[in-house]
Protein backbone atom coordinates (compact mmCIF):
# COMPACT_ATOMS: atom_id res chain seq x y z
CA UNK A 1 105.76 82.97 118.01
CA UNK A 2 105.08 86.60 119.03
CA UNK A 3 103.65 88.79 116.29
CA UNK A 4 103.74 92.56 116.53
CA UNK A 5 101.05 94.10 114.26
CA UNK A 6 101.58 97.72 113.40
CA UNK A 7 98.50 99.55 112.19
CA UNK A 8 97.91 103.18 111.43
CA UNK A 9 94.18 103.93 111.40
CA UNK A 10 91.77 105.05 114.03
CA UNK A 11 89.11 102.73 112.84
CA UNK A 12 89.28 99.34 114.52
CA UNK A 13 88.27 97.40 111.39
CA UNK A 14 89.93 95.28 108.81
CA UNK A 15 93.55 95.94 109.77
CA UNK A 16 93.05 94.59 113.25
CA UNK A 17 90.67 91.76 112.09
CA UNK A 18 93.24 90.50 109.61
CA UNK A 19 96.07 90.59 112.19
CA UNK A 20 93.90 88.71 114.69
CA UNK A 21 93.02 86.12 112.00
CA UNK A 22 96.67 85.48 111.06
CA UNK A 23 97.71 85.20 114.67
CA UNK A 24 94.86 82.71 115.39
CA UNK A 25 95.75 80.69 112.28
CA UNK A 26 99.32 80.44 113.48
CA UNK A 27 98.51 79.97 117.13
CA UNK A 28 100.71 82.92 117.81
CA UNK A 29 100.79 85.57 120.47
CA UNK A 30 99.59 88.93 119.06
CA UNK A 31 100.55 92.37 120.22
CA UNK A 32 98.74 95.19 118.30
CA UNK A 33 100.41 98.54 118.24
CA UNK A 34 98.21 101.30 116.75
CA UNK A 35 100.51 104.21 115.97
CA UNK A 36 97.56 106.68 115.82
CA UNK A 37 97.45 106.27 119.63
CA UNK A 38 101.09 107.24 120.01
CA UNK A 39 102.96 110.51 120.07
CA UNK A 40 105.16 110.65 117.04
CA UNK A 41 106.85 113.94 116.25
CA UNK A 42 108.39 115.00 112.99
CA UNK A 43 112.04 114.19 112.43
CA UNK A 44 114.29 117.27 112.78
CA UNK A 45 116.92 115.84 110.37
CA UNK A 46 119.66 116.71 112.82
CA UNK A 47 121.45 113.37 112.15
CA UNK A 48 122.40 113.02 115.83
CA UNK A 49 121.11 109.39 115.88
CA UNK A 50 123.43 108.53 112.99
CA UNK A 51 126.37 109.39 115.14
CA UNK A 52 125.16 107.20 118.02
CA UNK A 53 123.49 109.97 120.08
CA UNK A 54 120.06 109.60 121.66
CA UNK A 55 117.27 111.30 119.80
CA UNK A 56 116.31 114.51 121.65
CA UNK A 57 112.66 114.36 120.59
CA UNK A 58 110.51 113.35 123.49
CA UNK A 59 107.88 111.03 122.09
CA UNK A 60 106.99 107.37 121.74
CA UNK A 61 109.32 106.22 118.92
CA UNK A 62 111.73 104.48 121.31
CA UNK A 63 108.67 102.66 122.70
CA UNK A 64 107.94 101.44 119.15
CA UNK A 65 111.44 100.07 119.00
CA UNK A 66 111.10 98.25 122.25
CA UNK A 67 107.99 96.49 120.82
CA UNK A 68 109.80 95.67 117.56
CA UNK A 69 112.72 94.14 119.41
CA UNK A 70 110.40 91.98 121.60
CA UNK A 71 108.63 90.49 118.56
CA UNK A 72 109.52 87.46 116.48
CA UNK A 73 107.49 88.65 113.49
CA UNK A 74 106.57 92.20 112.42
CA UNK A 75 103.25 92.47 110.54
CA UNK A 76 102.25 95.81 109.10
CA UNK A 77 98.45 95.63 108.74
CA UNK A 78 97.14 99.07 107.59
CA UNK A 79 95.00 100.96 105.20
CA UNK A 80 95.55 103.00 102.09
CA UNK A 81 94.45 106.70 102.41
CA UNK A 82 94.58 108.68 99.24
CA UNK A 83 97.02 106.34 97.29
CA UNK A 84 99.44 106.11 100.15
CA UNK A 85 100.11 104.86 103.62
CA UNK A 86 98.25 106.55 106.48
CA UNK A 87 99.76 109.72 107.81
CA UNK A 88 100.95 108.33 111.18
CA UNK A 89 102.65 105.40 109.49
CA UNK A 90 104.52 107.78 107.22
CA UNK A 91 105.46 109.92 110.22
CA UNK A 92 106.90 106.82 111.88
CA UNK A 93 108.80 105.96 108.65
CA UNK A 94 110.33 109.46 108.68
CA UNK A 95 111.88 108.74 112.10
CA UNK A 96 113.62 105.52 111.03
CA UNK A 97 117.12 106.89 111.12
CA UNK A 98 116.73 105.75 114.69
CA UNK A 99 116.74 102.12 113.44
CA UNK A 100 120.45 102.23 112.80
CA UNK A 101 121.64 100.73 116.17
CA UNK A 102 118.93 98.14 116.07
CA UNK A 103 119.19 97.01 112.34
CA UNK A 104 121.42 94.00 112.87
CA UNK A 105 119.10 92.51 115.42
CA UNK A 106 115.95 93.44 113.55
CA UNK A 107 117.37 91.94 110.34
CA UNK A 108 117.06 88.48 112.03
CA UNK A 109 113.32 88.95 112.18
CA UNK A 110 110.69 88.22 109.55
CA UNK A 111 107.99 90.58 108.46
CA UNK A 112 105.08 91.05 106.00
CA UNK A 113 102.61 93.69 104.91
CA UNK A 114 98.82 93.48 104.55
CA UNK A 115 97.38 96.63 103.08
CA UNK A 116 93.67 97.45 102.60
CA UNK A 117 92.15 99.53 99.86
CA UNK A 118 88.59 100.43 98.89
CA UNK A 119 89.04 101.31 95.19
CA UNK A 120 91.30 99.60 92.70
CA UNK A 121 92.06 102.87 90.96
CA UNK A 122 93.22 104.42 94.29
CA UNK A 123 95.63 101.66 95.42
CA UNK A 124 98.41 104.07 94.46
CA UNK A 125 101.94 103.53 95.95
CA UNK A 126 101.02 102.87 99.63
CA UNK A 127 102.13 99.30 99.32
CA UNK A 128 105.69 100.59 98.62
CA UNK A 129 105.62 102.88 101.61
CA UNK A 130 104.73 99.99 103.97
CA UNK A 131 107.39 97.81 102.20
CA UNK A 132 109.99 100.52 102.75
CA UNK A 133 109.07 100.80 106.44
CA UNK A 134 110.03 97.16 106.96
CA UNK A 135 113.12 97.51 104.85
CA UNK A 136 114.62 100.52 106.65
CA UNK A 137 114.28 98.46 109.84
CA UNK A 138 116.43 95.84 108.21
CA UNK A 139 113.59 93.42 107.80
CA UNK A 140 113.11 91.61 104.45
CA UNK A 141 109.34 91.24 103.82
CA UNK A 142 108.07 87.71 103.11
CA UNK A 143 104.95 89.15 101.47
CA UNK A 144 103.15 92.29 100.43
CA UNK A 145 99.45 91.33 100.48
CA UNK A 146 96.75 93.57 98.95
CA UNK A 147 93.24 93.13 100.32
CA UNK A 148 90.20 94.81 98.68
CA UNK A 149 88.19 95.73 101.73
CA UNK A 150 86.61 99.06 102.42
CA UNK A 151 83.76 98.15 104.78
CA UNK A 152 84.63 97.00 108.34
CA UNK A 153 84.66 93.19 108.24
CA UNK A 154 85.27 92.82 104.53
CA UNK A 155 88.67 91.44 105.31
CA UNK A 156 86.92 88.26 106.24
CA UNK A 157 85.07 87.53 103.04
CA UNK A 158 85.73 84.17 101.50
CA UNK A 159 88.04 85.63 98.73
CA UNK A 160 90.07 87.61 101.30
CA UNK A 161 90.34 84.78 103.74
CA UNK A 162 91.95 82.64 101.02
CA UNK A 163 94.62 85.38 100.63
CA UNK A 164 95.12 85.59 104.38
CA UNK A 165 95.52 81.79 104.48
CA UNK A 166 98.24 81.99 101.82
CA UNK A 167 100.12 84.53 103.90
CA UNK A 168 99.65 82.51 107.13
CA UNK A 169 101.21 79.51 105.39
CA UNK A 170 104.08 81.58 104.03
CA UNK A 171 104.74 82.82 107.56
CA UNK A 172 104.60 79.28 108.95
CA UNK A 173 107.04 77.97 106.41
CA UNK A 174 109.07 81.22 106.33
CA UNK A 175 108.72 81.22 102.56
CA UNK A 176 108.47 84.22 100.32
CA UNK A 177 105.04 84.91 98.69
CA UNK A 178 105.33 86.79 95.47
CA UNK A 179 102.15 87.82 93.72
CA UNK A 180 101.53 88.71 90.15
CA UNK A 181 102.58 92.28 89.33
CA UNK A 182 105.19 92.43 91.99
CA UNK A 183 108.94 92.94 91.58
CA UNK A 184 110.68 89.57 91.78
CA UNK A 185 113.52 91.12 93.81
CA UNK A 186 111.73 93.25 96.48
CA UNK A 187 107.97 92.76 95.95
CA UNK A 188 107.35 96.40 94.97
CA UNK A 189 104.21 97.08 92.95
CA UNK A 190 105.26 100.39 91.37
CA UNK A 191 107.54 100.84 88.45
CA UNK A 192 108.78 103.59 86.09
CA UNK A 193 109.63 103.39 82.42
CA UNK A 194 113.33 104.07 81.95
CA UNK A 195 115.57 103.47 78.96
CA UNK A 196 113.23 101.05 77.25
CA UNK A 197 112.73 98.96 80.37
CA UNK A 198 110.88 99.08 83.64
CA UNK A 199 112.70 100.07 86.70
CA UNK A 200 111.49 99.05 90.24
CA UNK A 201 110.91 102.19 92.27
CA UNK A 202 112.18 100.52 95.46
CA UNK A 203 115.19 98.29 94.72
CA UNK A 204 115.92 99.87 91.31
CA UNK A 205 116.09 96.45 89.58
CA UNK A 206 115.76 96.66 85.76
CA UNK A 207 112.87 94.54 84.47
CA UNK A 208 111.20 93.55 81.23
CA UNK A 209 107.59 94.36 80.50
CA UNK A 210 106.51 91.05 81.99
CA UNK A 211 108.64 91.71 85.12
CA UNK A 212 111.59 89.41 84.40
CA UNK A 213 114.80 90.58 85.98
CA UNK A 214 117.36 92.14 83.56
CA UNK A 215 119.57 93.61 86.27
CA UNK A 216 119.17 93.11 89.96
CA UNK A 217 119.07 96.20 92.18
CA UNK A 218 119.97 96.33 95.81
CA UNK A 219 118.57 99.72 96.99
CA UNK A 220 117.11 99.43 100.51
CA UNK A 221 118.53 95.96 101.08
CA UNK A 222 120.23 95.53 104.45
CA UNK A 223 123.76 95.93 103.04
CA UNK A 224 122.75 98.95 101.00
CA UNK A 225 121.15 100.60 104.05
CA UNK A 226 124.35 100.15 106.11
CA UNK A 227 126.33 101.82 103.29
CA UNK A 228 123.82 104.55 102.90
CA UNK A 229 124.00 105.54 106.55
CA UNK A 230 127.79 105.87 106.09
CA UNK A 231 127.13 108.26 103.20
CA UNK A 232 124.70 110.26 105.28
CA UNK A 233 127.18 110.60 108.14
CA UNK A 234 129.58 112.10 105.52
CA UNK A 235 127.18 114.89 104.82
CA UNK A 236 128.06 116.61 108.07
CA UNK A 237 131.70 117.03 107.03
CA UNK A 238 130.54 117.97 103.49
CA UNK A 239 128.28 120.70 104.85
CA UNK A 240 131.10 122.12 106.99
CA UNK A 241 133.32 122.23 103.89
CA UNK A 242 130.69 124.05 101.83
CA UNK A 243 129.02 126.16 104.49
CA UNK A 244 130.47 129.45 103.33
CA UNK A 245 129.54 128.82 99.67
CA UNK A 246 126.02 127.86 100.66
CA UNK A 247 125.71 131.02 102.84
CA UNK A 248 126.70 133.14 99.90
CA UNK A 249 123.99 131.52 97.81
CA UNK A 250 121.42 132.47 100.46
CA UNK A 251 122.75 136.08 100.44
CA UNK A 252 122.59 136.17 96.65
CA UNK A 253 118.94 135.37 96.49
CA UNK A 254 117.98 137.03 99.77
CA UNK A 255 116.28 134.05 101.30
């Protein structure tokens, strides 16, 4: 097995240590790709890639895709900074319209997330951002694993190694690992109150207070993503139809 570990922090600490531990446990080949060492420019939202055209931005995102396609398993192993994913990982996520031509092949791969946080009250929604990064690639995560580890090396405490062993076993068996407090459908850890129930902020499943499924959502599933890209392509024609109306709005408000 060849594991690609994506990490998004300059500090060569827990994210890399955990990836190395998992690879060693599985006797797997490990390729670590630190996105902070890459050139990743902001998306221009031109939609060219949705119509089969090459992205005109000259940076390293195509290199990332070449690494993704070479791997058997994609492991996101990265930190939480201020309640969310690190900045460069979010920048990479914003460029994922480019995943469209690769989604079918990538959907055959497995993946998981290990995220590291220093303070319980600052875990925030970063787990969801990393979850979404796999999903927009077409990869269904086997697990979203939180690790409390602020100091370099804390990923290898006895308690954390037990968690890493659970993940390694799930990867070996290709079995889903759902932890307490996670959505039974998509493994999200963030919910909103809506109409007397909880709604998953990723897949939009409706859940009871104890996270039992009332209505299964499919947002950001592979099939949903394919349909969504079709909707986005339709925006070009929609804009052409409404261009004059929108121009008059700009004139009206002088902006």
